[in-house]
C-alpha atoms as a PDB file:
ATOM      1  CA  UNK A   1     -47.617  28.674 -32.231  1.00  0.00           C
ATOM      2  CA  UNK A   2     -48.974  25.799 -34.072  1.00  0.00           C
ATOM      3  CA  UNK A   3     -46.953  23.516 -35.901  1.00  0.00           C
ATOM      4  CA  UNK A   4     -47.334  23.718 -39.921  1.00  0.00           C
ATOM      5  CA  UNK A   5     -47.784  20.636 -41.992  1.00  0.00           C
ATOM      6  CA  UNK A   6     -46.331  20.155 -44.849  1.00  0.00           C
ATOM      7  CA  UNK A   7     -45.995  17.590 -47.788  1.00  0.00           C
ATOM      8  CA  UNK A   8     -43.331  16.983 -49.600  1.00  0.00           C
ATOM      9  CA  UNK A   9     -43.823  15.100 -53.028  1.00  0.00           C
ATOM     10  CA  UNK A  10     -40.666  13.096 -54.666  1.00  0.00           C
ATOM     11  CA  UNK A  11     -39.154  12.901 -51.246  1.00  0.00           C
ATOM     12  CA  UNK A  12     -37.785   9.689 -52.081  1.00  0.00           C
ATOM     13  CA  UNK A  13     -35.598  11.039 -54.671  1.00  0.00           C
ATOM     14  CA  UNK A  14     -32.622  13.913 -55.046  1.00  0.00           C
ATOM     15  CA  UNK A  15     -33.808  17.369 -54.419  1.00  0.00           C
ATOM     16  CA  UNK A  16     -37.263  16.000 -52.276  1.00  0.00           C
ATOM     17  CA  UNK A  17     -34.961  13.959 -50.050  1.00  0.00           C
ATOM     18  CA  UNK A  18     -32.587  16.942 -48.896  1.00  0.00           C
ATOM     19  CA  UNK A  19     -35.907  19.338 -49.100  1.00  0.00           C
ATOM     20  CA  UNK A  20     -37.525  16.998 -46.170  1.00  0.00           C
ATOM     21  CA  UNK A  21     -34.507  17.057 -43.668  1.00  0.00           C
ATOM     22  CA  UNK A  22     -34.221  20.729 -44.438  1.00  0.00           C
ATOM     23  CA  UNK A  23     -37.675  21.440 -43.699  1.00  0.00           C
ATOM     24  CA  UNK A  24     -37.409  19.015 -40.471  1.00  0.00           C
ATOM     25  CA  UNK A  25     -34.509  21.131 -39.309  1.00  0.00           C
ATOM     26  CA  UNK A  26     -36.482  24.296 -39.880  1.00  0.00           C
ATOM     27  CA  UNK A  27     -39.458  23.089 -36.951  1.00  0.00           C
ATOM     28  CA  UNK A  28     -42.240  22.015 -39.443  1.00  0.00           C
ATOM     29  CA  UNK A  29     -43.899  18.263 -39.547  1.00  0.00           C
ATOM     30  CA  UNK A  30     -42.770  16.810 -42.619  1.00  0.00           C
ATOM     31  CA  UNK A  31     -44.862  14.301 -44.833  1.00  0.00           C
ATOM     32  CA  UNK A  32     -43.321  12.536 -47.409  1.00  0.00           C
ATOM     33  CA  UNK A  33     -45.054  10.808 -50.664  1.00  0.00           C
ATOM     34  CA  UNK A  34     -43.095   9.318 -53.234  1.00  0.00           C
ATOM     35  CA  UNK A  35     -43.116   6.019 -55.209  1.00  0.00           C
ATOM     36  CA  UNK A  36     -40.234   4.801 -53.601  1.00  0.00           C
ATOM     37  CA  UNK A  37     -38.523   5.151 -50.284  1.00  0.00           C
ATOM     38  CA  UNK A  38     -34.624   7.436 -50.589  1.00  0.00           C
ATOM     39  CA  UNK A  39     -32.289   4.946 -52.649  1.00  0.00           C
ATOM     40  CA  UNK A  40     -28.994   6.240 -50.096  1.00  0.00           C
ATOM     41  CA  UNK A  41     -30.261   7.426 -46.749  1.00  0.00           C
ATOM     42  CA  UNK A  42     -33.466   6.772 -44.216  1.00  0.00           C
ATOM     43  CA  UNK A  43     -36.013  10.095 -44.097  1.00  0.00           C
ATOM     44  CA  UNK A  44     -36.239  12.157 -41.524  1.00  0.00           C
ATOM     45  CA  UNK A  45     -39.882  12.821 -42.309  1.00  0.00           C
ATOM     46  CA  UNK A  46     -42.235  12.008 -39.996  1.00  0.00           C
ATOM     47  CA  UNK A  47     -44.339  10.534 -42.226  1.00  0.00           C
ATOM     48  CA  UNK A  48     -43.762   8.460 -45.663  1.00  0.00           C
ATOM     49  CA  UNK A  49     -45.911   7.143 -48.031  1.00  0.00           C
ATOM     50  CA  UNK A  50     -45.164   5.200 -50.470  1.00  0.00           C
ATOM     51  CA  UNK A  51     -47.451   6.298 -53.010  1.00  0.00           C
ATOM     52  CA  UNK A  52     -48.048   6.369 -57.486  1.00  0.00           C
ATOM     53  CA  UNK A  53     -49.307  10.058 -57.006  1.00  0.00           C
ATOM     54  CA  UNK A  54     -50.744   9.402 -60.836  1.00  0.00           C
ATOM     55  CA  UNK A  55     -53.649   7.757 -58.703  1.00  0.00           C
ATOM     56  CA  UNK A  56     -56.231  10.628 -57.736  1.00  0.00           C
ATOM     57  CA  UNK A  57     -56.684   8.520 -53.769  1.00  0.00           C
ATOM     58  CA  UNK A  58     -53.228   8.599 -53.385  1.00  0.00           C
ATOM     59  CA  UNK A  59     -52.909  12.277 -53.887  1.00  0.00           C
ATOM     60  CA  UNK A  60     -56.320  12.933 -51.639  1.00  0.00           C
ATOM     61  CA  UNK A  61     -54.463  10.485 -49.387  1.00  0.00           C
ATOM     62  CA  UNK A  62     -51.072  12.396 -49.451  1.00  0.00           C
ATOM     63  CA  UNK A  63     -52.818  15.699 -48.857  1.00  0.00           C
ATOM     64  CA  UNK A  64     -54.902  15.522 -46.097  1.00  0.00           C
ATOM     65  CA  UNK A  65     -54.317  17.425 -43.170  1.00  0.00           C
ATOM     66  CA  UNK A  66     -51.412  19.315 -45.047  1.00  0.00           C
ATOM     67  CA  UNK A  67     -51.142  23.472 -45.071  1.00  0.00           C
ATOM     68  CA  UNK A  68     -48.384  23.703 -47.684  1.00  0.00           C
ATOM     69  CA  UNK A  69     -47.348  21.554 -50.819  1.00  0.00           C
ATOM     70  CA  UNK A  70     -44.236  21.171 -52.003  1.00  0.00           C
ATOM     71  CA  UNK A  71     -44.706  19.388 -55.311  1.00  0.00           C
ATOM     72  CA  UNK A  72     -41.302  18.150 -56.518  1.00  0.00           C
ATOM     73  CA  UNK A  73     -42.212  14.650 -57.777  1.00  0.00           C
ATOM     74  CA  UNK A  74     -41.866  13.683 -61.381  1.00  0.00           C
ATOM     75  CA  UNK A  75     -40.946  11.556 -64.264  1.00  0.00           C
ATOM     76  CA  UNK A  76     -37.308  12.593 -65.236  1.00  0.00           C
ATOM     77  CA  UNK A  77     -33.778  12.382 -65.780  1.00  0.00           C
ATOM     78  CA  UNK A  78     -30.381  13.408 -67.387  1.00  0.00           C
ATOM     79  CA  UNK A  79     -30.882  14.024 -71.399  1.00  0.00           C
ATOM     80  CA  UNK A  80     -30.765  10.888 -72.628  1.00  0.00           C
ATOM     81  CA  UNK A  81     -34.034   9.915 -70.639  1.00  0.00           C
ATOM     82  CA  UNK A  82     -36.278  12.941 -71.273  1.00  0.00           C
ATOM     83  CA  UNK A  83     -35.191  13.221 -74.810  1.00  0.00           C
ATOM     84  CA  UNK A  84     -35.700   9.405 -75.374  1.00  0.00           C
ATOM     85  CA  UNK A  85     -39.283   9.163 -73.623  1.00  0.00           C
ATOM     86  CA  UNK A  86     -41.419  11.908 -74.611  1.00  0.00           C
ATOM     87  CA  UNK A  87     -44.629  10.587 -74.530  1.00  0.00           C
ATOM     88  CA  UNK A  88     -44.340   8.628 -71.033  1.00  0.00           C
ATOM     89  CA  UNK A  89     -42.693  11.375 -69.254  1.00  0.00           C
ATOM     90  CA  UNK A  90     -45.548  13.993 -70.670  1.00  0.00           C
ATOM     91  CA  UNK A  91     -48.281  11.494 -70.080  1.00  0.00           C
ATOM     92  CA  UNK A  92     -47.273  10.683 -66.348  1.00  0.00           C
ATOM     93  CA  UNK A  93     -46.040  14.213 -65.034  1.00  0.00           C
ATOM     94  CA  UNK A  94     -49.132  15.689 -66.737  1.00  0.00           C
ATOM     95  CA  UNK A  95     -51.460  13.166 -65.105  1.00  0.00           C
ATOM     96  CA  UNK A  96     -49.400  13.481 -61.543  1.00  0.00           C
ATOM     97  CA  UNK A  97     -49.720  17.046 -61.721  1.00  0.00           C
ATOM     98  CA  UNK A  98     -53.548  17.521 -62.210  1.00  0.00           C
ATOM     99  CA  UNK A  99     -54.000  14.585 -59.801  1.00  0.00           C
ATOM    100  CA  UNK A 100     -52.001  17.154 -57.205  1.00  0.00           C
ATOM    101  CA  UNK A 101     -53.697  20.138 -58.146  1.00  0.00           C
ATOM    102  CA  UNK A 102     -56.875  19.037 -57.300  1.00  0.00           C
ATOM    103  CA  UNK A 103     -56.031  17.208 -54.226  1.00  0.00           C
ATOM    104  CA  UNK A 104     -54.626  20.324 -52.733  1.00  0.00           C
ATOM    105  CA  UNK A 105     -57.895  22.064 -54.034  1.00  0.00           C
ATOM    106  CA  UNK A 106     -60.144  19.424 -52.264  1.00  0.00           C
ATOM    107  CA  UNK A 107     -58.024  19.456 -49.603  1.00  0.00           C
ATOM    108  CA  UNK A 108     -57.683  23.287 -48.822  1.00  0.00           C
ATOM    109  CA  UNK A 109     -53.980  23.368 -49.122  1.00  0.00           C
ATOM    110  CA  UNK A 110     -52.916  27.330 -48.340  1.00  0.00           C
ATOM    111  CA  UNK A 111     -49.987  27.240 -50.920  1.00  0.00           C
ATOM    112  CA  UNK A 112     -48.198  25.425 -53.521  1.00  0.00           C
ATOM    113  CA  UNK A 113     -44.783  25.432 -55.043  1.00  0.00           C
ATOM    114  CA  UNK A 114     -44.507  23.750 -57.829  1.00  0.00           C
ATOM    115  CA  UNK A 115     -41.001  22.235 -59.375  1.00  0.00           C
ATOM    116  CA  UNK A 116     -40.658  23.374 -62.865  1.00  0.00           C
ATOM    117  CA  UNK A 117     -37.410  23.504 -64.767  1.00  0.00           C
ATOM    118  CA  UNK A 118     -35.182  25.777 -67.162  1.00  0.00           C
ATOM    119  CA  UNK A 119     -36.195  23.263 -70.350  1.00  0.00           C
ATOM    120  CA  UNK A 120     -39.672  25.912 -70.629  1.00  0.00           C
ATOM    121  CA  UNK A 121     -37.133  27.952 -71.917  1.00  0.00           C
ATOM    122  CA  UNK A 122     -37.693  28.590 -76.199  1.00  0.00           C
ATOM    123  CA  UNK A 123     -34.976  26.755 -78.059  1.00  0.00           C
ATOM    124  CA  UNK A 124     -33.919  29.609 -80.275  1.00  0.00           C
ATOM    125  CA  UNK A 125     -33.172  31.236 -77.295  1.00  0.00           C
ATOM    126  CA  UNK A 126     -30.185  28.355 -76.373  1.00  0.00           C
ATOM    127  CA  UNK A 127     -28.281  28.237 -79.669  1.00  0.00           C
ATOM    128  CA  UNK A 128     -25.273  29.409 -78.351  1.00  0.00           C
ATOM    129  CA  UNK A 129     -22.596  28.330 -76.022  1.00  0.00           C
ATOM    130  CA  UNK A 130     -21.786  31.938 -75.152  1.00  0.00           C
ATOM    131  CA  UNK A 131     -25.655  31.434 -73.052  1.00  0.00           C
ATOM    132  CA  UNK A 132     -27.407  35.229 -72.478  1.00  0.00           C
ATOM    133  CA  UNK A 133     -29.029  34.462 -69.174  1.00  0.00           C
ATOM    134  CA  UNK A 134     -32.440  33.748 -69.144  1.00  0.00           C
ATOM    135  CA  UNK A 135     -35.225  35.884 -67.721  1.00  0.00           C
ATOM    136  CA  UNK A 136     -38.570  34.902 -66.488  1.00  0.00           C
ATOM    137  CA  UNK A 137     -40.395  36.317 -69.521  1.00  0.00           C
ATOM    138  CA  UNK A 138     -38.426  35.059 -71.701  1.00  0.00           C
ATOM    139  CA  UNK A 139     -40.902  31.625 -71.257  1.00  0.00           C
ATOM    140  CA  UNK A 140     -43.298  33.255 -73.915  1.00  0.00           C
ATOM    141  CA  UNK A 141     -43.728  33.279 -76.663  1.00  0.00           C
ATOM    142  CA  UNK A 142     -43.300  29.232 -76.125  1.00  0.00           C
ATOM    143  CA  UNK A 143     -40.831  27.086 -77.828  1.00  0.00           C
ATOM    144  CA  UNK A 144     -40.078  24.621 -74.928  1.00  0.00           C
ATOM    145  CA  UNK A 145     -38.225  21.196 -75.108  1.00  0.00           C
ATOM    146  CA  UNK A 146     -40.463  18.449 -76.563  1.00  0.00           C
ATOM    147  CA  UNK A 147     -42.137  16.745 -73.856  1.00  0.00           C
ATOM    148  CA  UNK A 148     -40.504  17.375 -70.551  1.00  0.00           C
ATOM    149  CA  UNK A 149     -40.181  20.970 -71.224  1.00  0.00           C
ATOM    150  CA  UNK A 150     -44.019  21.471 -73.120  1.00  0.00           C
ATOM    151  CA  UNK A 151     -45.774  19.412 -70.239  1.00  0.00           C
ATOM    152  CA  UNK A 152     -43.689  21.726 -67.348  1.00  0.00           C
ATOM    153  CA  UNK A 153     -44.644  25.003 -69.037  1.00  0.00           C
ATOM    154  CA  UNK A 154     -48.242  23.382 -69.683  1.00  0.00           C
ATOM    155  CA  UNK A 155     -48.488  22.766 -65.428  1.00  0.00           C
ATOM    156  CA  UNK A 156     -46.895  26.296 -64.676  1.00  0.00           C
ATOM    157  CA  UNK A 157     -50.080  27.805 -66.630  1.00  0.00           C
ATOM    158  CA  UNK A 158     -52.450  25.531 -64.941  1.00  0.00           C
ATOM    159  CA  UNK A 159     -51.017  26.469 -61.506  1.00  0.00           C
ATOM    160  CA  UNK A 160     -51.789  29.842 -62.348  1.00  0.00           C
ATOM    161  CA  UNK A 161     -55.839  29.134 -63.235  1.00  0.00           C
ATOM    162  CA  UNK A 162     -55.887  27.328 -59.876  1.00  0.00           C
ATOM    163  CA  UNK A 163     -54.403  30.208 -57.668  1.00  0.00           C
ATOM    164  CA  UNK A 164     -56.758  32.606 -59.771  1.00  0.00           C
ATOM    165  CA  UNK A 165     -60.029  30.186 -59.401  1.00  0.00           C
ATOM    166  CA  UNK A 166     -59.525  28.594 -56.442  1.00  0.00           C
ATOM    167  CA  UNK A 167     -57.605  30.906 -54.203  1.00  0.00           C
ATOM    168  CA  UNK A 168     -54.526  28.655 -53.261  1.00  0.00           C
ATOM    169  CA  UNK A 169     -50.964  30.206 -52.944  1.00  0.00           C
ATOM    170  CA  UNK A 170     -49.040  29.322 -56.169  1.00  0.00           C
ATOM    171  CA  UNK A 171     -45.509  28.959 -56.180  1.00  0.00           C
ATOM    172  CA  UNK A 172     -43.519  28.438 -59.233  1.00  0.00           C
ATOM    173  CA  UNK A 173     -39.674  27.179 -59.352  1.00  0.00           C
ATOM    174  CA  UNK A 174     -37.807  26.686 -62.167  1.00  0.00           C
ATOM    175  CA  UNK A 175     -34.839  24.639 -61.401  1.00  0.00           C
ATOM    176  CA  UNK A 176     -31.426  24.896 -63.218  1.00  0.00           C
ATOM    177  CA  UNK A 177     -29.167  21.739 -63.177  1.00  0.00           C
ATOM    178  CA  UNK A 178     -29.034  20.561 -59.287  1.00  0.00           C
ATOM    179  CA  UNK A 179     -26.102  18.290 -58.613  1.00  0.00           C
ATOM    180  CA  UNK A 180     -25.139  17.204 -54.925  1.00  0.00           C
ATOM    181  CA  UNK A 181     -24.695  13.579 -52.904  1.00  0.00           C
ATOM    182  CA  UNK A 182     -27.431  11.314 -52.367  1.00  0.00           C
ATOM    183  CA  UNK A 183     -28.538  11.896 -56.026  1.00  0.00           C
ATOM    184  CA  UNK A 184     -28.881   9.352 -59.027  1.00  0.00           C
ATOM    185  CA  UNK A 185     -25.550   8.541 -59.996  1.00  0.00           C
ATOM    186  CA  UNK A 186     -26.077   5.431 -62.321  1.00  0.00           C
ATOM    187  CA  UNK A 187     -28.583   3.661 -64.636  1.00  0.00           C
ATOM    188  CA  UNK A 188     -30.004   6.807 -67.418  1.00  0.00           C
ATOM    189  CA  UNK A 189     -31.203   9.099 -65.533  1.00  0.00           C
ATOM    190  CA  UNK A 190     -28.305  10.929 -63.869  1.00  0.00           C
ATOM    191  CA  UNK A 191     -27.450  14.538 -64.569  1.00  0.00           C
ATOM    192  CA  UNK A 192     -24.448  15.625 -66.167  1.00  0.00           C
ATOM    193  CA  UNK A 193     -21.908  16.497 -62.586  1.00  0.00           C
ATOM    194  CA  UNK A 194     -23.106  12.830 -61.320  1.00  0.00           C
ATOM    195  CA  UNK A 195     -22.339  11.061 -64.889  1.00  0.00           C
ATOM    196  CA  UNK A 196     -18.909  12.938 -64.927  1.00  0.00           C
ATOM    197  CA  UNK A 197     -18.117  11.620 -61.311  1.00  0.00           C
ATOM    198  CA  UNK A 198     -18.783   8.250 -61.564  1.00  0.00           C
ATOM    199  CA  UNK A 199     -16.799   8.355 -64.826  1.00  0.00           C
ATOM    200  CA  UNK A 200     -13.737   9.765 -63.108  1.00  0.00           C
ATOM    201  CA  UNK A 201     -13.998   7.528 -60.031  1.00  0.00           C
ATOM    202  CA  UNK A 202     -13.964   4.191 -62.334  1.00  0.00           C
ATOM    203  CA  UNK A 203     -10.811   5.136 -64.044  1.00  0.00           C
ATOM    204  CA  UNK A 204      -7.703   5.193 -63.533  1.00  0.00           C
ATOM    205  CA  UNK A 205      -5.011   8.399 -63.591  1.00  0.00           C
ATOM    206  CA  UNK A 206      -4.409   8.728 -67.516  1.00  0.00           C
ATOM    207  CA  UNK A 207      -7.936   6.721 -68.208  1.00  0.00           C
ATOM    208  CA  UNK A 208     -10.096   7.837 -70.966  1.00  0.00           C
ATOM    209  CA  UNK A 209     -14.101   8.941 -70.926  1.00  0.00           C
ATOM    210  CA  UNK A 210     -16.941   9.514 -72.904  1.00  0.00           C
ATOM    211  CA  UNK A 211     -18.371  13.038 -73.116  1.00  0.00           C
ATOM    212  CA  UNK A 212     -21.847  13.394 -74.818  1.00  0.00           C
ATOM    213  CA  UNK A 213     -21.318  16.200 -77.645  1.00  0.00           C
ATOM    214  CA  UNK A 214     -18.203  18.243 -78.373  1.00  0.00           C
ATOM    215  CA  UNK A 215     -18.133  19.523 -74.973  1.00  0.00           C
ATOM    216  CA  UNK A 216     -18.517  23.351 -75.690  1.00  0.00           C
ATOM    217  CA  UNK A 217     -21.940  22.898 -74.933  1.00  0.00           C
ATOM    218  CA  UNK A 218     -22.535  25.464 -71.222  1.00  0.00           C
ATOM    219  CA  UNK A 219     -24.778  25.468 -68.553  1.00  0.00           C
ATOM    220  CA  UNK A 220     -24.600  26.707 -64.753  1.00  0.00           C
ATOM    221  CA  UNK A 221     -24.934  24.127 -62.474  1.00  0.00           C
ATOM    222  CA  UNK A 222     -26.469  24.842 -58.672  1.00  0.00           C
ATOM    223  CA  UNK A 223     -25.375  22.902 -55.513  1.00  0.00           C
ATOM    224  CA  UNK A 224     -28.701  21.230 -53.313  1.00  0.00           C
ATOM    225  CA  UNK A 225     -28.008  22.769 -50.274  1.00  0.00           C
ATOM    226  CA  UNK A 226     -28.245  26.285 -52.267  1.00  0.00           C
ATOM    227  CA  UNK A 227     -31.427  24.694 -53.940  1.00  0.00           C
ATOM    228  CA  UNK A 228     -33.510  23.132 -50.820  1.00  0.00           C
ATOM    229  CA  UNK A 229     -32.565  27.329 -49.144  1.00  0.00           C
ATOM    230  CA  UNK A 230     -34.406  28.855 -51.962  1.00  0.00           C
ATOM    231  CA  UNK A 231     -36.927  26.708 -52.264  1.00  0.00           C
ATOM    232  CA  UNK A 232     -38.305  27.302 -48.862  1.00  0.00           C
ATOM    233  CA  UNK A 233     -37.485  31.027 -49.143  1.00  0.00           C
ATOM    234  CA  UNK A 234     -39.954  30.826 -52.592  1.00  0.00           C
ATOM    235  CA  UNK A 235     -42.442  29.295 -50.479  1.00  0.00           C
ATOM    236  CA  UNK A 236     -42.116  31.955 -47.715  1.00  0.00           C
ATOM    237  CA  UNK A 237     -41.946  35.135 -49.833  1.00  0.00           C
ATOM    238  CA  UNK A 238     -45.159  35.242 -51.377  1.00  0.00           C
ATOM    239  CA  UNK A 239     -44.444  35.912 -54.574  1.00  0.00           C
ATOM    240  CA  UNK A 240     -46.649  33.772 -57.076  1.00  0.00           C
ATOM    241  CA  UNK A 241     -45.244  34.020 -60.731  1.00  0.00           C
ATOM    242  CA  UNK A 242     -42.401  31.702 -61.743  1.00  0.00           C
ATOM    243  CA  UNK A 243     -38.544  32.352 -60.685  1.00  0.00           C
ATOM    244  CA  UNK A 244     -35.518  31.250 -61.882  1.00  0.00           C
ATOM    245  CA  UNK A 245     -33.368  29.155 -58.550  1.00  0.00           C
ATOM    246  CA  UNK A 246     -30.256  28.237 -59.440  1.00  0.00           C
ATOM    247  CA  UNK A 247     -26.645  29.830 -59.906  1.00  0.00           C
ATOM    248  CA  UNK A 248     -25.333  32.203 -63.288  1.00  0.00           C
ATOM    249  CA  UNK A 249     -21.671  30.347 -63.290  1.00  0.00           C
ATOM    250  CA  UNK A 250     -21.587  28.971 -67.168  1.00  0.00           C
ATOM    251  CA  UNK A 251     -19.311  26.472 -67.562  1.00  0.00           C
ATOM    252  CA  UNK A 252     -18.561  24.432 -70.718  1.00  0.00           C
ATOM    253  CA  UNK A 253     -18.902  20.464 -70.269  1.00  0.00           C
ATOM    254  CA  UNK A 254     -15.347  20.436 -70.956  1.00  0.00           C
ATOM    255  CA  UNK A 255     -14.696  22.691 -68.228  1.00  0.00           C
ATOM    256  CA  UNK A 256     -17.022  20.683 -65.728  1.00  0.00           C
ATOM    257  CA  UNK A 257     -14.975  17.473 -66.841  1.00  0.00           C
ATOM    258  CA  UNK A 258     -11.761  19.253 -65.850  1.00  0.00           C
ATOM    259  CA  UNK A 259     -13.120  20.458 -62.149  1.00  0.00           C
ATOM    260  CA  UNK A 260     -14.126  17.354 -61.807  1.00  0.00           C
ATOM    261  CA  UNK A 261     -10.737  15.368 -62.842  1.00  0.00           C
ATOM    262  CA  UNK A 262      -8.740  17.781 -60.565  1.00  0.00           C
ATOM    263  CA  UNK A 263     -11.127  17.208 -57.881  1.00  0.00           C
ATOM    264  CA  UNK A 264     -10.156  13.390 -57.945  1.00  0.00           C
ATOM    265  CA  UNK A 265      -6.692  14.547 -58.309  1.00  0.00           C
ATOM    266  CA  UNK A 266      -6.361  12.514 -61.647  1.00  0.00           C
ATOM    267  CA  UNK A 267      -5.922  13.586 -65.404  1.00  0.00           C
ATOM    268  CA  UNK A 268      -8.479  12.671 -68.089  1.00  0.00           C
ATOM    269  CA  UNK A 269      -8.146  11.973 -71.454  1.00  0.00           C
ATOM    270  CA  UNK A 270     -11.946  13.174 -73.024  1.00  0.00           C
ATOM    271  CA  UNK A 271     -13.170  11.298 -76.067  1.00  0.00           C
ATOM    272  CA  UNK A 272     -16.513  13.296 -77.341  1.00  0.00           C
ATOM    273  CA  UNK A 273     -19.367  11.592 -79.197  1.00  0.00           C
ATOM    274  CA  UNK A 274     -21.134  14.067 -80.835  1.00  0.00           C
ATOM    275  CA  UNK A 275     -24.430  11.424 -82.114  1.00  0.00           C
ATOM    276  CA  UNK A 276     -25.218  11.391 -78.185  1.00  0.00           C
ATOM    277  CA  UNK A 277     -27.884  13.953 -76.985  1.00  0.00           C
ATOM    278  CA  UNK A 278     -26.362  16.942 -75.790  1.00  0.00           C
ATOM    279  CA  UNK A 279     -29.709  19.535 -75.273  1.00  0.00           C
ATOM    280  CA  UNK A 280     -29.820  23.131 -76.188  1.00  0.00           C
ATOM    281  CA  UNK A 281     -26.032  24.865 -76.955  1.00  0.00           C
ATOM    282  CA  UNK A 282     -26.055  26.542 -74.046  1.00  0.00           C
ATOM    283  CA  UNK A 283     -28.078  27.515 -70.800  1.00  0.00           C
ATOM    284  CA  UNK A 284     -27.192  29.449 -68.096  1.00  0.00           C
ATOM    285  CA  UNK A 285     -29.934  32.067 -65.188  1.00  0.00           C
ATOM    286  CA  UNK A 286     -30.676  35.248 -65.163  1.00  0.00           C
ATOM    287  CA  UNK A 287     -31.361  35.774 -61.490  1.00  0.00           C
ATOM    288  CA  UNK A 288     -31.943  39.362 -61.270  1.00  0.00           C
ATOM    289  CA  UNK A 289     -35.523  38.719 -60.508  1.00  0.00           C
ATOM    290  CA  UNK A 290     -34.336  36.228 -57.791  1.00  0.00           C
ATOM    291  CA  UNK A 291     -32.344  38.597 -56.146  1.00  0.00           C
ATOM    292  CA  UNK A 292     -35.006  41.126 -56.384  1.00  0.00           C
ATOM    293  CA  UNK A 293     -37.872  39.063 -54.819  1.00  0.00           C
ATOM    294  CA  UNK A 294     -35.647  37.318 -51.929  1.00  0.00           C
ATOM    295  CA  UNK A 295     -32.351  39.392 -51.575  1.00  0.00           C
ATOM    296  CA  UNK A 296     -30.937  36.699 -51.765  1.00  0.00           C
ATOM    297  CA  UNK A 297     -29.207  33.818 -54.681  1.00  0.00           C
ATOM    298  CA  UNK A 298     -27.369  30.386 -54.332  1.00  0.00           C
ATOM    299  CA  UNK A 299     -23.718  30.937 -53.594  1.00  0.00           C
ATOM    300  CA  UNK A 300     -22.228  27.730 -53.237  1.00  0.00           C
ATOM    301  CA  UNK A 301     -19.644  27.426 -56.543  1.00  0.00           C
ATOM    302  CA  UNK A 302     -19.391  24.313 -58.532  1.00  0.00           C
ATOM    303  CA  UNK A 303     -15.854  23.866 -57.143  1.00  0.00           C
ATOM    304  CA  UNK A 304     -16.673  23.879 -54.327  1.00  0.00           C
ATOM    305  CA  UNK A 305     -19.932  22.100 -54.225  1.00  0.00           C
ATOM    306  CA  UNK A 306     -18.616  19.071 -56.524  1.00  0.00           C
ATOM    307  CA  UNK A 307     -16.028  18.475 -53.503  1.00  0.00           C
ATOM    308  CA  UNK A 308     -18.459  16.504 -51.046  1.00  0.00           C
ATOM    309  CA  UNK A 309     -20.477  15.245 -54.334  1.00  0.00           C
ATOM    310  CA  UNK A 310     -17.454  13.715 -55.515  1.00  0.00           C
ATOM    311  CA  UNK A 311     -16.479  12.419 -52.222  1.00  0.00           C
ATOM    312  CA  UNK A 312     -19.721  10.745 -52.222  1.00  0.00           C
ATOM    313  CA  UNK A 313     -20.475   9.104 -55.626  1.00  0.00           C
ATOM    314  CA  UNK A 314     -16.571   7.807 -55.323  1.00  0.00           C
ATOM    315  CA  UNK A 315     -17.428   6.382 -52.476  1.00  0.00           C
ATOM    316  CA  UNK A 316     -20.654   4.331 -53.700  1.00  0.00           C
ATOM    317  CA  UNK A 317     -18.644   3.266 -57.009  1.00  0.00           C
ATOM    318  CA  UNK A 318     -15.677   2.155 -55.278  1.00  0.00           C
ATOM    319  CA  UNK A 319     -17.884   0.057 -52.853  1.00  0.00           C
ATOM    320  CA  UNK A 320     -19.523  -1.521 -56.230  1.00  0.00           C
ATOM    321  CA  UNK A 321     -22.747   0.306 -54.948  1.00  0.00           C
ATOM    322  CA  UNK A 322     -23.581   1.253 -58.484  1.00  0.00           C
ATOM    323  CA  UNK A 323     -27.511   0.755 -59.277  1.00  0.00           C
ATOM    324  CA  UNK A 324     -28.142  -1.332 -61.531  1.00  0.00           C
ATOM    325  CA  UNK A 325     -32.169  -1.314 -62.646  1.00  0.00           C
ATOM    326  CA  UNK A 326     -33.883  -0.515 -59.608  1.00  0.00           C
ATOM    327  CA  UNK A 327     -36.988   1.590 -59.570  1.00  0.00           C
ATOM    328  CA  UNK A 328     -36.364   5.260 -59.514  1.00  0.00           C
ATOM    329  CA  UNK A 329     -38.298   7.941 -57.913  1.00  0.00           C
ATOM    330  CA  UNK A 330     -40.934  10.042 -59.813  1.00  0.00           C
ATOM    331  CA  UNK A 331     -38.904  13.043 -58.541  1.00  0.00           C
ATOM    332  CA  UNK A 332     -38.029  16.377 -59.810  1.00  0.00           C
ATOM    333  CA  UNK A 333     -34.560  17.250 -60.387  1.00  0.00           C
ATOM    334  CA  UNK A 334     -33.605  20.244 -62.978  1.00  0.00           C
END
């Protein structure tokens, strides 16, 4: 049987790096592409292109000879970054996504998986910490998060149109808060589990950490190994409409802090800052359709997944390797 050649964009970033290694282990020939190479561990990709995917020529080179595209590349980060950079995030991602869709069409790519986000869901459905799990159909009528969520929802529709008009097998994955080792944990683009792990690693037992918001806002969190397994299963599923990929284990941010502190073997004093961005009040994933399509869903609970995550971040912090202003991948992490 002929080996399938696949492209992972965003392969220098967190999810993309793990996905490359996962697909290599599955026997694919993998090409990675990103604006930079991975920060914390060498890639297992057979080829790696350092490329700016806002450039159509770079996209053409990346997709040349490729059967399937896993398009994870994006300009994104934590809540502070995406709420403070609406214009640059929306512009960078829109240019990159259209360039990648055009390159995939011109290269005759068979399947194209687009990494979207739970930020596409309407704000009015996420105003209570007692979050009603969000179903895929809830995205319309639309009221996504400004900037990042809006451009993601727009690109979901562009994928639908390119699939219908050009015969590309489309897949759309809506990530819900992915965490794990080898992810950004400092510098402004980190997500909340990584930020809390970094803060806990940097204080003595009984110390104080700052928490954005009142701590009662809620989210669900998915371990990266479940994420990459789900991505591959969705690509192989034949299902073209958007699918949630996350857990339905709802935690308050204060509960998350308590679990990380327990993992670290420390007690902690929480100082809440309600002036800082905190996003929607509550968000959870409805996995009914994911179970129906795949007969599978993420299974790693937060208490289990945070153990290797905290251990890795604490090792970086204790070794003094916290990143300081180095360039970031244009990569989607959810």
